[in-house]
């Protein structure tokens, strides 16, 4: 391979990686803008709920250790997924999707409120 092509490939790799990092760093802003499009928001909320419910269900079953019915867990996870997806800003959803453990205190409080409400809805105490 000629030196010219190696330089071109190197530049393309740097641009692609830089673009991906820039997008990741600005994911909240991108999400806020995209959530203004009703079609995107509907699709995103549906996808978020599906993925969230799967993760939630696995975690809840492990935490319940057989002390909660599958129906109660499903009700809880559906409630939590719906309320999270529909009541959070794009920035909040981006932070949650990144899986960070450094969520802001305000976001932690908001999530705690959702958890409390959904535990009551599902009759999990």
N, C-alpha and C. Protein backbone atom coordinates (compact mmCIF):
# COMPACT_ATOMS: atom_id res chain seq x y z
N UNK A 1 0.86 -1.17 0.00
CA UNK A 1 0.00 0.00 0.00
C UNK A 1 0.90 1.23 0.00
N UNK A 2 0.52 2.19 -0.81
CA UNK A 2 1.35 3.39 -0.92
C UNK A 2 1.18 4.27 0.31
N UNK A 3 2.16 5.11 0.52
CA UNK A 3 2.13 6.02 1.67
C UNK A 3 0.93 6.97 1.59
N UNK A 4 0.57 7.37 0.38
CA UNK A 4 -0.56 8.27 0.17
C UNK A 4 -1.85 7.64 0.71
N UNK A 5 -2.08 6.37 0.41
CA UNK A 5 -3.30 5.69 0.87
C UNK A 5 -3.28 5.48 2.37
N UNK A 6 -2.12 5.22 2.92
CA UNK A 6 -2.01 5.05 4.37
C UNK A 6 -2.37 6.35 5.09
N UNK A 7 -1.94 7.48 4.55
CA UNK A 7 -2.27 8.79 5.13
C UNK A 7 -3.77 9.05 5.02
N UNK A 8 -4.34 8.75 3.86
CA UNK A 8 -5.78 8.98 3.65
C UNK A 8 -6.59 8.12 4.61
N UNK A 9 -6.24 6.85 4.74
CA UNK A 9 -6.95 5.96 5.66
C UNK A 9 -6.79 6.44 7.10
N UNK A 10 -5.61 6.89 7.47
CA UNK A 10 -5.37 7.41 8.81
C UNK A 10 -6.23 8.61 9.11
N UNK A 11 -6.34 9.52 8.15
CA UNK A 11 -7.17 10.72 8.33
C UNK A 11 -8.64 10.33 8.47
N UNK A 12 -9.10 9.40 7.65
CA UNK A 12 -10.50 8.96 7.72
C UNK A 12 -10.79 8.34 9.08
N UNK A 13 -9.88 7.52 9.58
CA UNK A 13 -10.06 6.89 10.89
C UNK A 13 -10.14 7.95 11.99
N UNK A 14 -9.27 8.93 11.96
CA UNK A 14 -9.26 9.99 12.96
C UNK A 14 -10.57 10.79 12.90
N UNK A 15 -11.04 11.09 11.70
CA UNK A 15 -12.28 11.85 11.54
C UNK A 15 -13.48 11.05 12.07
N UNK A 16 -13.54 9.77 11.73
CA UNK A 16 -14.66 8.94 12.18
C UNK A 16 -14.65 8.80 13.70
N UNK A 17 -13.51 8.51 14.28
CA UNK A 17 -13.42 8.37 15.73
C UNK A 17 -13.72 9.70 16.41
N UNK A 18 -13.18 10.78 15.89
CA UNK A 18 -13.45 12.10 16.46
C UNK A 18 -14.93 12.45 16.39
N UNK A 19 -15.56 12.13 15.27
CA UNK A 19 -16.99 12.39 15.12
C UNK A 19 -17.82 11.59 16.10
N UNK A 20 -17.46 10.33 16.28
CA UNK A 20 -18.18 9.47 17.22
C UNK A 20 -18.03 9.99 18.65
N UNK A 21 -16.83 10.40 19.02
CA UNK A 21 -16.60 10.95 20.36
C UNK A 21 -17.36 12.25 20.56
N UNK A 22 -17.38 13.09 19.54
CA UNK A 22 -18.11 14.35 19.62
C UNK A 22 -19.61 14.09 19.78
N UNK A 23 -20.14 13.14 19.02
CA UNK A 23 -21.55 12.79 19.13
C UNK A 23 -21.86 12.27 20.53
N UNK A 24 -21.02 11.38 21.04
CA UNK A 24 -21.22 10.81 22.38
C UNK A 24 -21.21 11.92 23.44
N UNK A 25 -20.26 12.85 23.30
CA UNK A 25 -20.15 13.94 24.28
C UNK A 25 -21.36 14.86 24.23
N UNK A 26 -21.98 14.98 23.06
CA UNK A 26 -23.13 15.87 22.89
C UNK A 26 -24.44 15.12 22.74
N UNK A 27 -24.47 13.89 23.22
CA UNK A 27 -25.65 13.05 23.04
C UNK A 27 -26.90 13.70 23.63
N UNK A 28 -26.78 14.34 24.76
CA UNK A 28 -27.93 15.00 25.38
C UNK A 28 -28.52 16.07 24.49
N UNK A 29 -27.68 16.90 23.90
CA UNK A 29 -28.17 17.95 23.00
C UNK A 29 -28.82 17.36 21.77
N UNK A 30 -28.22 16.30 21.24
CA UNK A 30 -28.80 15.63 20.07
C UNK A 30 -30.15 15.05 20.44
N UNK A 31 -30.23 14.42 21.61
CA UNK A 31 -31.50 13.83 22.06
C UNK A 31 -32.56 14.91 22.27
N UNK A 32 -32.20 16.03 22.87
CA UNK A 32 -33.17 17.10 23.10
C UNK A 32 -33.75 17.58 21.77
N UNK A 33 -32.89 17.77 20.78
CA UNK A 33 -33.36 18.21 19.46
C UNK A 33 -34.24 17.15 18.81
N UNK A 34 -33.79 15.91 18.85
CA UNK A 34 -34.53 14.84 18.19
C UNK A 34 -35.88 14.60 18.84
N UNK A 35 -35.96 14.79 20.16
CA UNK A 35 -37.21 14.53 20.86
C UNK A 35 -38.31 15.54 20.48
N UNK A 36 -37.95 16.60 19.78
CA UNK A 36 -38.95 17.56 19.29
C UNK A 36 -39.69 17.02 18.07
N UNK A 37 -39.16 15.98 17.44
CA UNK A 37 -39.80 15.36 16.29
C UNK A 37 -40.72 14.25 16.83
N UNK A 38 -42.04 14.41 16.67
CA UNK A 38 -42.98 13.43 17.25
C UNK A 38 -42.72 11.99 16.78
N UNK A 39 -42.38 11.80 15.53
CA UNK A 39 -42.14 10.44 15.02
C UNK A 39 -40.90 9.84 15.68
N UNK A 40 -39.84 10.64 15.81
CA UNK A 40 -38.63 10.14 16.47
C UNK A 40 -38.92 9.82 17.92
N UNK A 41 -39.61 10.75 18.60
CA UNK A 41 -39.89 10.54 20.02
C UNK A 41 -40.70 9.28 20.23
N UNK A 42 -41.71 9.05 19.42
CA UNK A 42 -42.54 7.85 19.55
C UNK A 42 -41.70 6.58 19.38
N UNK A 43 -40.86 6.57 18.35
CA UNK A 43 -40.01 5.41 18.11
C UNK A 43 -38.97 5.22 19.19
N UNK A 44 -38.39 6.33 19.64
CA UNK A 44 -37.38 6.25 20.68
C UNK A 44 -37.98 5.74 21.98
N UNK A 45 -39.13 6.30 22.36
CA UNK A 45 -39.78 5.90 23.60
C UNK A 45 -40.11 4.41 23.54
N UNK A 46 -40.61 3.94 22.40
CA UNK A 46 -40.93 2.51 22.27
C UNK A 46 -39.67 1.65 22.42
N UNK A 47 -38.58 2.04 21.77
CA UNK A 47 -37.33 1.29 21.88
C UNK A 47 -36.75 1.35 23.27
N UNK A 48 -36.78 2.53 23.88
CA UNK A 48 -36.27 2.69 25.24
C UNK A 48 -37.04 1.80 26.20
N UNK A 49 -38.37 1.82 26.07
CA UNK A 49 -39.20 1.02 26.96
C UNK A 49 -38.90 -0.47 26.81
N UNK A 50 -38.73 -0.93 25.58
CA UNK A 50 -38.43 -2.35 25.35
C UNK A 50 -37.12 -2.74 26.00
N UNK A 51 -36.08 -1.95 25.76
CA UNK A 51 -34.76 -2.25 26.34
C UNK A 51 -34.76 -2.10 27.86
N UNK A 52 -35.39 -1.04 28.33
CA UNK A 52 -35.45 -0.79 29.78
C UNK A 52 -36.18 -1.92 30.49
N UNK A 53 -37.31 -2.34 29.92
CA UNK A 53 -38.10 -3.39 30.57
C UNK A 53 -37.31 -4.68 30.67
N UNK A 54 -36.53 -5.02 29.66
CA UNK A 54 -35.72 -6.25 29.71
C UNK A 54 -34.69 -6.17 30.83
N UNK A 55 -33.96 -5.06 30.88
CA UNK A 55 -32.95 -4.87 31.93
C UNK A 55 -33.61 -4.84 33.30
N UNK A 56 -34.70 -4.11 33.40
CA UNK A 56 -35.43 -3.98 34.66
C UNK A 56 -35.93 -5.33 35.13
N UNK A 57 -36.51 -6.09 34.24
CA UNK A 57 -37.07 -7.39 34.60
C UNK A 57 -35.99 -8.32 35.14
N UNK A 58 -34.86 -8.37 34.46
CA UNK A 58 -33.76 -9.22 34.93
C UNK A 58 -33.29 -8.79 36.32
N UNK A 59 -33.12 -7.49 36.52
CA UNK A 59 -32.66 -6.97 37.81
C UNK A 59 -33.69 -7.19 38.91
N UNK A 60 -34.95 -6.93 38.59
CA UNK A 60 -36.01 -7.05 39.59
C UNK A 60 -36.20 -8.51 40.02
N UNK A 61 -36.12 -9.42 39.07
CA UNK A 61 -36.26 -10.84 39.43
C UNK A 61 -35.13 -11.28 40.35
N UNK A 62 -33.92 -10.83 40.05
CA UNK A 62 -32.78 -11.18 40.91
C UNK A 62 -32.95 -10.57 42.30
N UNK A 63 -33.40 -9.32 42.36
CA UNK A 63 -33.55 -8.64 43.65
C UNK A 63 -34.71 -9.24 44.46
N UNK A 64 -35.78 -9.65 43.80
CA UNK A 64 -36.95 -10.17 44.49
C UNK A 64 -36.73 -11.57 45.06
N UNK A 65 -35.81 -12.29 44.48
CA UNK A 65 -35.48 -13.65 44.95
C UNK A 65 -36.73 -14.49 45.15
N UNK A 66 -37.61 -14.45 44.17
CA UNK A 66 -38.81 -15.27 44.22
C UNK A 66 -39.92 -14.72 45.10
N UNK A 67 -39.76 -13.55 45.68
CA UNK A 67 -40.76 -12.98 46.59
C UNK A 67 -41.80 -12.12 45.87
N UNK A 68 -41.64 -11.95 44.54
CA UNK A 68 -42.60 -11.16 43.78
C UNK A 68 -43.00 -11.96 42.54
N UNK A 69 -44.26 -11.83 42.16
CA UNK A 69 -44.74 -12.58 40.99
C UNK A 69 -44.18 -11.96 39.71
N UNK A 70 -44.14 -12.75 38.68
CA UNK A 70 -43.69 -12.27 37.37
C UNK A 70 -44.60 -11.13 36.89
N UNK A 71 -45.89 -11.23 37.20
CA UNK A 71 -46.85 -10.19 36.81
C UNK A 71 -46.55 -8.87 37.52
N UNK A 72 -46.24 -8.92 38.81
CA UNK A 72 -45.91 -7.70 39.56
C UNK A 72 -44.64 -7.06 39.02
N UNK A 73 -43.66 -7.89 38.71
CA UNK A 73 -42.40 -7.38 38.16
C UNK A 73 -42.64 -6.75 36.79
N UNK A 74 -43.44 -7.40 35.96
CA UNK A 74 -43.75 -6.85 34.64
C UNK A 74 -44.48 -5.51 34.75
N UNK A 75 -45.42 -5.44 35.69
CA UNK A 75 -46.17 -4.19 35.91
C UNK A 75 -45.22 -3.08 36.37
N UNK A 76 -44.36 -3.41 37.32
CA UNK A 76 -43.38 -2.44 37.82
C UNK A 76 -42.47 -1.94 36.70
N UNK A 77 -41.92 -2.85 35.92
CA UNK A 77 -40.97 -2.47 34.88
C UNK A 77 -41.63 -1.68 33.76
N UNK A 78 -42.88 -2.04 33.42
CA UNK A 78 -43.60 -1.28 32.40
C UNK A 78 -43.86 0.14 32.88
N UNK A 79 -44.27 0.26 34.14
CA UNK A 79 -44.50 1.58 34.74
C UNK A 79 -43.22 2.41 34.74
N UNK A 80 -42.13 1.82 35.21
CA UNK A 80 -40.86 2.54 35.30
C UNK A 80 -40.36 2.95 33.92
N UNK A 81 -40.47 2.06 32.95
CA UNK A 81 -40.01 2.37 31.59
C UNK A 81 -40.84 3.50 30.99
N UNK A 82 -42.15 3.40 31.13
CA UNK A 82 -43.05 4.41 30.57
C UNK A 82 -42.81 5.78 31.20
N UNK A 83 -42.79 5.82 32.51
CA UNK A 83 -42.63 7.12 33.21
C UNK A 83 -41.25 7.72 32.97
N UNK A 84 -40.23 6.87 32.91
CA UNK A 84 -38.89 7.38 32.64
C UNK A 84 -38.81 7.95 31.24
N UNK A 85 -39.24 7.19 30.26
CA UNK A 85 -39.13 7.61 28.86
C UNK A 85 -39.97 8.85 28.57
N UNK A 86 -41.13 8.94 29.16
CA UNK A 86 -42.03 10.04 28.83
C UNK A 86 -41.81 11.30 29.65
N UNK A 87 -41.09 11.21 30.77
CA UNK A 87 -40.95 12.37 31.65
C UNK A 87 -39.54 12.92 31.78
N UNK A 88 -38.60 12.35 31.06
CA UNK A 88 -37.21 12.80 31.15
C UNK A 88 -36.84 13.61 29.92
N UNK A 89 -35.91 14.53 30.13
CA UNK A 89 -35.39 15.31 29.00
C UNK A 89 -34.43 14.45 28.19
N UNK A 90 -34.06 14.92 27.02
CA UNK A 90 -33.07 14.22 26.21
C UNK A 90 -31.75 14.07 26.94
N UNK A 91 -31.34 15.11 27.67
CA UNK A 91 -30.10 15.04 28.45
C UNK A 91 -30.17 13.95 29.51
N UNK A 92 -31.31 13.88 30.20
CA UNK A 92 -31.48 12.87 31.25
C UNK A 92 -31.44 11.47 30.65
N UNK A 93 -32.16 11.28 29.54
CA UNK A 93 -32.18 9.97 28.90
C UNK A 93 -30.79 9.59 28.40
N UNK A 94 -30.05 10.57 27.88
CA UNK A 94 -28.69 10.29 27.42
C UNK A 94 -27.82 9.85 28.59
N UNK A 95 -27.94 10.52 29.73
CA UNK A 95 -27.16 10.14 30.92
C UNK A 95 -27.52 8.72 31.37
N UNK A 96 -28.80 8.40 31.34
CA UNK A 96 -29.24 7.07 31.74
C UNK A 96 -28.71 6.03 30.74
N UNK A 97 -28.81 6.33 29.44
CA UNK A 97 -28.34 5.39 28.42
C UNK A 97 -26.85 5.16 28.48
N UNK A 98 -26.10 6.17 28.88
CA UNK A 98 -24.66 6.02 28.99
C UNK A 98 -24.29 5.08 30.13
N UNK A 99 -25.26 4.83 31.01
CA UNK A 99 -25.03 3.91 32.11
C UNK A 99 -24.11 4.46 33.17
N UNK A 100 -24.02 5.75 33.20
CA UNK A 100 -23.14 6.38 34.17
C UNK A 100 -23.63 6.23 35.60
N UNK A 101 -22.69 6.17 36.50
CA UNK A 101 -23.04 6.11 37.91
C UNK A 101 -23.00 7.51 38.52
N UNK A 102 -22.67 8.49 37.71
CA UNK A 102 -22.57 9.87 38.19
C UNK A 102 -23.78 10.68 37.76
N UNK A 103 -24.96 10.16 38.00
CA UNK A 103 -26.17 10.90 37.67
C UNK A 103 -26.31 12.06 38.65
N UNK A 104 -26.84 13.16 38.16
CA UNK A 104 -27.00 14.34 39.02
C UNK A 104 -27.95 14.01 40.16
N UNK A 105 -27.80 14.71 41.29
CA UNK A 105 -28.73 14.49 42.41
C UNK A 105 -30.19 14.71 42.01
N UNK A 106 -30.44 15.70 41.16
CA UNK A 106 -31.82 15.97 40.74
C UNK A 106 -32.37 14.80 39.93
N UNK A 107 -31.55 14.23 39.04
CA UNK A 107 -31.99 13.09 38.25
C UNK A 107 -32.17 11.86 39.14
N UNK A 108 -31.27 11.67 40.10
CA UNK A 108 -31.42 10.56 41.04
C UNK A 108 -32.72 10.67 41.82
N UNK A 109 -33.04 11.89 42.24
CA UNK A 109 -34.28 12.12 42.99
C UNK A 109 -35.50 11.85 42.12
N UNK A 110 -35.44 12.28 40.87
CA UNK A 110 -36.55 12.06 39.95
C UNK A 110 -36.75 10.56 39.71
N UNK A 111 -35.65 9.84 39.52
CA UNK A 111 -35.74 8.39 39.32
C UNK A 111 -36.25 7.70 40.58
N UNK A 112 -35.82 8.16 41.74
CA UNK A 112 -36.30 7.58 43.00
C UNK A 112 -37.81 7.75 43.14
N UNK A 113 -38.31 8.91 42.73
CA UNK A 113 -39.75 9.14 42.76
C UNK A 113 -40.50 8.20 41.84
N UNK A 114 -39.95 7.98 40.65
CA UNK A 114 -40.57 7.05 39.70
C UNK A 114 -40.57 5.64 40.28
N UNK A 115 -39.46 5.25 40.88
CA UNK A 115 -39.36 3.91 41.47
C UNK A 115 -40.41 3.73 42.57
N UNK A 116 -40.54 4.73 43.42
CA UNK A 116 -41.51 4.66 44.51
C UNK A 116 -42.93 4.54 43.97
N UNK A 117 -43.26 5.38 43.00
CA UNK A 117 -44.60 5.34 42.41
C UNK A 117 -44.89 3.99 41.76
N UNK A 118 -43.92 3.47 41.04
CA UNK A 118 -44.13 2.22 40.31
C UNK A 118 -44.16 1.01 41.24
N UNK A 119 -43.43 1.08 42.34
CA UNK A 119 -43.51 0.00 43.35
C UNK A 119 -44.93 -0.05 43.92
N UNK A 120 -45.53 1.11 44.12
CA UNK A 120 -46.90 1.16 44.63
C UNK A 120 -47.89 0.63 43.59
N UNK A 121 -47.71 1.05 42.34
CA UNK A 121 -48.58 0.58 41.26
C UNK A 121 -48.54 -0.94 41.16
N UNK A 122 -47.34 -1.51 41.28
CA UNK A 122 -47.16 -2.96 41.14
C UNK A 122 -47.37 -3.71 42.45
N UNK A 123 -47.63 -2.96 43.51
CA UNK A 123 -47.81 -3.54 44.85
C UNK A 123 -46.58 -4.32 45.31
N UNK A 124 -45.42 -3.72 45.07
CA UNK A 124 -44.15 -4.28 45.55
C UNK A 124 -43.72 -3.45 46.74
N UNK A 125 -43.63 -4.05 47.88
CA UNK A 125 -43.24 -3.29 49.08
C UNK A 125 -42.10 -3.94 49.77
